[in-house]
C-alpha cells in the first residue's frame, strides 16, 4: 500500500446556530487505502463527507485533497474527487447512457459508447441503457451512479451509505468497485452502519460520537478474496 496521503481533514469543526456537530476532527486516508466511517444517525457523518468533498465549508479547520487546499484550490481538489452521496444525481428525462455522457462530460471526460455500455453491463443494467432514469428503480439508479464511478476512475472516492437501496449482488458490486479503486492506488472513504459488511473491504475505521472521531486500526480481518488487492 502506498504511503501518500490522498485525503486529509485537519482539526475540522462545524457548528449550526452554535450547536457543535464536529469538534476538531482530524483524519487521513492514504492512496490505496479504504477507510470506513461509522456513527449513529445524526452523528455528523454526512456533514463530514460534505466538508471533505468541499461542498460544505467547515467552521474551522481545513481539507487537503492530494496536496490541494480544499478552500483555496477547490477546482483542483475536486478534479481528483468523486462523491457518491445519498442522491444519485441523475436527470430524470435523460436515458442511462445520456446521464453517463453528461456527468462524465462535466468532468472533462469523453467515454466512448462501447465504454459506457460496458460500464452499464458491469453494474447489471445494460438492457436498460435507453431507459430514462425516471423509469428505473431505486436500486437501478444506484447502480447507474456506480457506473459513473467506474468510468470516472477518481483518485479519491467518497461514498455516503453506499449499500443503500442495493441487493446482495449490488453490495458485492460495490465491494468490487472499492477493490478496484484500491488496486489502482485510489483512496476510498465511506460511511456505513453495517460493520460486518464494511469489514470486508476496509483497512481502517473510525466512529463519530459526540462530534469527535475515535479511530480503530481495523474493523475486522478481511477475507482472503478481499485481501487480494495488491
Protein backbone atom coordinates (compact mmCIF):
# COMPACT_ATOMS: atom_id res chain seq x y z
CA UNK A 1 0.00 0.00 0.00
CA UNK A 2 1.28 3.45 -0.93
CA UNK A 3 2.04 5.86 1.90
CA UNK A 4 1.00 9.07 0.11
CA UNK A 5 -1.77 10.92 1.92
CA UNK A 6 -4.58 11.38 -0.58
CA UNK A 7 -7.22 12.92 1.70
CA UNK A 8 -6.70 14.82 4.91
CA UNK A 9 -9.07 16.62 7.25
CA UNK A 10 -7.29 18.82 9.77
CA UNK A 11 -8.97 19.92 13.03
CA UNK A 12 -12.37 20.18 11.37
CA UNK A 13 -15.11 21.87 13.36
CA UNK A 14 -18.66 22.56 12.25
CA UNK A 15 -21.43 24.27 14.18
CA UNK A 16 -25.01 25.15 13.28
CA UNK A 17 -26.50 28.02 15.25
CA UNK A 18 -23.85 27.49 17.92
CA UNK A 19 -24.62 23.76 18.10
CA UNK A 20 -21.37 21.82 17.55
CA UNK A 21 -21.71 18.93 15.09
CA UNK A 22 -17.99 18.25 14.60
CA UNK A 23 -15.26 19.10 17.10
CA UNK A 24 -11.63 19.10 15.95
CA UNK A 25 -12.00 16.06 13.71
CA UNK A 26 -8.76 15.03 12.01
CA UNK A 27 -8.25 12.07 9.73
CA UNK A 28 -6.08 10.93 6.85
CA UNK A 29 -6.79 8.40 4.12
CA UNK A 30 -3.84 7.12 2.14
CA UNK A 31 -3.57 6.16 -1.51
CA UNK A 32 -4.62 2.55 -1.94
CA UNK A 33 -6.49 2.51 1.36
CA UNK A 34 -10.15 2.12 2.31
CA UNK A 35 -11.44 3.84 5.45
CA UNK A 36 -14.87 3.05 6.93
CA UNK A 37 -16.65 5.72 8.97
CA UNK A 38 -19.29 4.65 11.49
CA UNK A 39 -21.64 6.55 13.74
CA UNK A 40 -25.25 6.78 14.84
CA UNK A 41 -27.83 8.77 12.90
CA UNK A 42 -27.14 12.44 13.45
CA UNK A 43 -23.53 11.84 14.49
CA UNK A 44 -22.26 14.10 11.70
CA UNK A 45 -21.13 11.55 9.10
CA UNK A 46 -22.84 13.25 6.16
CA UNK A 47 -21.70 16.67 7.36
CA UNK A 48 -18.12 15.41 7.47
CA UNK A 49 -18.42 13.88 3.99
CA UNK A 50 -19.72 17.16 2.57
CA UNK A 51 -16.83 19.04 4.14
CA UNK A 52 -14.26 16.56 2.86
CA UNK A 53 -15.75 16.81 -0.64
CA UNK A 54 -15.56 20.67 -0.48
CA UNK A 55 -19.36 21.01 -0.76
CA UNK A 56 -19.59 22.49 2.74
CA UNK A 57 -17.21 24.84 4.48
CA UNK A 58 -16.09 23.96 8.00
CA UNK A 59 -16.46 26.46 10.79
CA UNK A 60 -12.75 26.00 11.32
CA UNK A 61 -10.03 23.66 10.12
CA UNK A 62 -9.34 22.71 6.51
CA UNK A 63 -9.23 19.86 3.99
CA UNK A 64 -6.41 18.75 1.69
CA UNK A 65 -7.00 16.55 -1.36
CA UNK A 66 -3.82 15.25 -2.99
CA UNK A 67 -1.98 18.26 -1.61
CA UNK A 68 -4.57 20.79 -2.79
CA UNK A 69 -6.22 23.07 -0.22
CA UNK A 70 -9.96 22.37 -0.22
CA UNK A 71 -10.90 26.05 0.02
CA UNK A 72 -8.09 27.88 -1.79
CA UNK A 73 -7.67 25.31 -4.59
CA UNK A 74 -11.21 23.97 -4.80
CA UNK A 75 -11.27 23.35 -8.57
CA UNK A 76 -8.00 21.40 -8.49
CA UNK A 77 -9.13 19.41 -5.45
CA UNK A 78 -12.48 18.49 -6.99
CA UNK A 79 -10.86 17.31 -10.21
CA UNK A 80 -9.48 14.26 -8.39
CA UNK A 81 -12.54 13.61 -6.26
CA UNK A 82 -15.85 11.79 -6.68
CA UNK A 83 -18.64 11.85 -4.10
CA UNK A 84 -21.33 9.19 -4.28
CA UNK A 85 -23.86 10.66 -1.90
CA UNK A 86 -27.37 9.78 -0.76
CA UNK A 87 -28.81 11.12 -4.00
CA UNK A 88 -27.82 9.61 -7.34
CA UNK A 89 -27.52 13.00 -9.09
CA UNK A 90 -29.35 11.77 -12.19
CA UNK A 91 -31.54 13.68 -14.62
CA UNK A 92 -34.97 12.07 -14.92
CA UNK A 93 -35.51 12.93 -18.59
CA UNK A 94 -32.14 11.58 -19.73
CA UNK A 95 -31.53 7.94 -20.52
CA UNK A 96 -28.99 5.91 -18.60
CA UNK A 97 -26.46 6.41 -21.41
CA UNK A 98 -27.18 10.13 -21.63
CA UNK A 99 -26.76 10.51 -17.88
CA UNK A 100 -23.34 8.89 -18.10
CA UNK A 101 -22.30 11.01 -21.06
CA UNK A 102 -23.44 14.24 -19.39
CA UNK A 103 -21.90 13.50 -15.97
CA UNK A 104 -18.55 12.43 -17.41
CA UNK A 105 -18.56 15.39 -19.79
CA UNK A 106 -18.76 17.74 -16.81
CA UNK A 107 -15.52 16.16 -15.62
CA UNK A 108 -13.86 16.73 -18.99
CA UNK A 109 -14.11 13.06 -19.96
CA UNK A 110 -15.47 11.65 -23.21
CA UNK A 111 -16.11 7.93 -22.79
CA UNK A 112 -16.93 6.04 -25.96
CA UNK A 113 -20.30 4.42 -26.49
CA UNK A 114 -18.73 1.00 -26.03
CA UNK A 115 -17.10 2.08 -22.75
CA UNK A 116 -20.40 3.39 -21.41
CA UNK A 117 -22.29 0.27 -22.44
CA UNK A 118 -19.59 -1.86 -20.85
CA UNK A 119 -19.95 0.10 -17.58
CA UNK A 120 -23.72 -0.43 -17.63
CA UNK A 121 -23.22 -4.13 -18.26
CA UNK A 122 -20.75 -4.24 -15.40
CA UNK A 123 -23.32 -2.88 -12.95
CA UNK A 124 -26.06 -5.15 -14.30
CA UNK A 125 -28.31 -2.66 -16.09
CA UNK A 126 -27.04 -2.97 -19.67
CA UNK A 127 -30.51 -3.86 -21.04
CA UNK A 128 -31.85 -0.57 -19.64
CA UNK A 129 -29.32 1.70 -21.36
CA UNK A 130 -32.05 3.50 -23.35
CA UNK A 131 -34.47 3.84 -20.44
CA UNK A 132 -34.98 7.25 -18.89
CA UNK A 133 -33.72 7.35 -15.34
CA UNK A 134 -37.23 8.25 -14.11
CA UNK A 135 -38.29 4.75 -15.16
CA UNK A 136 -35.55 2.97 -13.22
CA UNK A 137 -35.98 1.52 -9.74
CA UNK A 138 -34.09 2.98 -6.78
CA UNK A 139 -31.59 0.12 -6.91
CA UNK A 140 -31.06 0.53 -10.64
CA UNK A 141 -30.48 4.25 -10.20
CA UNK A 142 -27.88 3.44 -7.56
CA UNK A 143 -26.19 1.06 -9.98
CA UNK A 144 -26.20 3.77 -12.67
CA UNK A 145 -24.49 6.13 -10.22
CA UNK A 146 -21.87 3.45 -9.56
CA UNK A 147 -21.31 3.13 -13.31
CA UNK A 148 -20.31 6.80 -13.30
CA UNK A 149 -17.61 5.99 -10.76
CA UNK A 150 -16.30 3.08 -12.85
CA UNK A 151 -15.86 5.46 -15.79
CA UNK A 152 -14.55 8.46 -13.82
CA UNK A 153 -11.84 6.45 -12.02
CA UNK A 154 -11.28 9.13 -9.34
CA UNK A 155 -8.16 9.23 -7.21
CA UNK A 156 -10.28 9.96 -4.13
CA UNK A 157 -13.66 8.26 -3.78
CA UNK A 158 -16.14 9.27 -1.07
CA UNK A 159 -19.32 7.24 -0.58
CA UNK A 160 -22.10 8.08 1.85
CA UNK A 161 -24.00 4.90 2.81
CA UNK A 162 -23.05 3.05 -0.41
CA UNK A 163 -25.15 -0.02 0.46
CA UNK A 164 -28.42 1.93 0.39
CA UNK A 165 -31.09 0.53 -1.99
CA UNK A 166 -28.81 -2.31 -3.13
CA UNK A 167 -29.49 -6.03 -3.01
CA UNK A 168 -26.84 -8.64 -2.17
CA UNK A 169 -25.47 -8.60 -5.73
CA UNK A 170 -25.33 -4.81 -5.70
CA UNK A 171 -23.43 -4.81 -2.42
CA UNK A 172 -20.86 -7.22 -3.84
CA UNK A 173 -20.59 -4.98 -6.90
CA UNK A 174 -19.87 -2.05 -4.57
CA UNK A 175 -17.13 -4.08 -2.91
CA UNK A 176 -15.67 -4.82 -6.35
CA UNK A 177 -15.64 -1.07 -7.01
CA UNK A 178 -13.72 -0.49 -3.77
CA UNK A 179 -11.25 -3.28 -4.53
CA UNK A 180 -10.65 -1.85 -7.99
CA UNK A 181 -10.03 1.61 -6.54
CA UNK A 182 -7.51 0.22 -4.08
CA UNK A 183 -5.68 -1.70 -6.81
CA UNK A 184 -5.14 1.50 -8.76
CA UNK A 185 -3.96 3.30 -5.60
CA UNK A 186 -7.06 5.45 -5.12
CA UNK A 187 -8.20 6.40 -1.63
CA UNK A 188 -11.69 5.37 -0.51
CA UNK A 189 -13.70 6.72 2.41
CA UNK A 190 -17.25 5.54 3.05
CA UNK A 191 -19.87 5.79 5.77
CA UNK A 192 -21.91 2.83 6.91
CA UNK A 193 -23.99 1.37 9.70
CA UNK A 194 -23.07 -2.17 8.64
CA UNK A 195 -19.85 -3.05 10.44
CA UNK A 196 -19.74 -6.64 9.16
CA UNK A 197 -20.01 -5.67 5.50
CA UNK A 198 -17.62 -2.75 5.85
CA UNK A 199 -15.07 -5.03 7.49
CA UNK A 200 -14.78 -7.00 4.26
CA UNK A 201 -13.09 -4.11 2.43
CA UNK A 202 -11.91 -1.54 4.99
CA UNK A 203 -8.30 -1.20 6.12
CA UNK A 204 -9.10 1.20 8.94
CA UNK A 205 -12.21 2.54 10.61
CA UNK A 206 -13.37 5.32 12.86
CA UNK A 207 -16.53 6.19 14.76
CA UNK A 208 -18.05 9.63 15.13
CA UNK A 209 -19.57 10.18 18.56
CA UNK A 210 -20.41 13.44 20.31
CA UNK A 211 -18.77 15.35 17.48
CA UNK A 212 -15.41 13.62 17.82
CA UNK A 213 -13.73 10.87 15.83
CA UNK A 214 -12.30 7.80 17.53
CA UNK A 215 -10.16 5.69 15.22
CA UNK A 216 -9.61 1.94 15.31
CA UNK A 217 -6.80 0.12 13.47
CA UNK A 218 -9.13 -2.16 11.50
CA UNK A 219 -12.81 -3.09 11.78
CA UNK A 220 -12.05 -6.82 11.32
CA UNK A 221 -9.83 -9.08 9.20
CA UNK A 222 -10.86 -9.18 5.55
CA UNK A 223 -11.47 -12.45 3.77
CA UNK A 224 -8.75 -13.82 1.51
CA UNK A 225 -10.72 -12.64 -1.53
CA UNK A 226 -10.99 -9.09 -0.23
CA UNK A 227 -7.35 -9.02 0.87
CA UNK A 228 -6.03 -9.87 -2.59
CA UNK A 229 -5.93 -6.35 -3.98
CA UNK A 230 -2.22 -5.65 -4.33
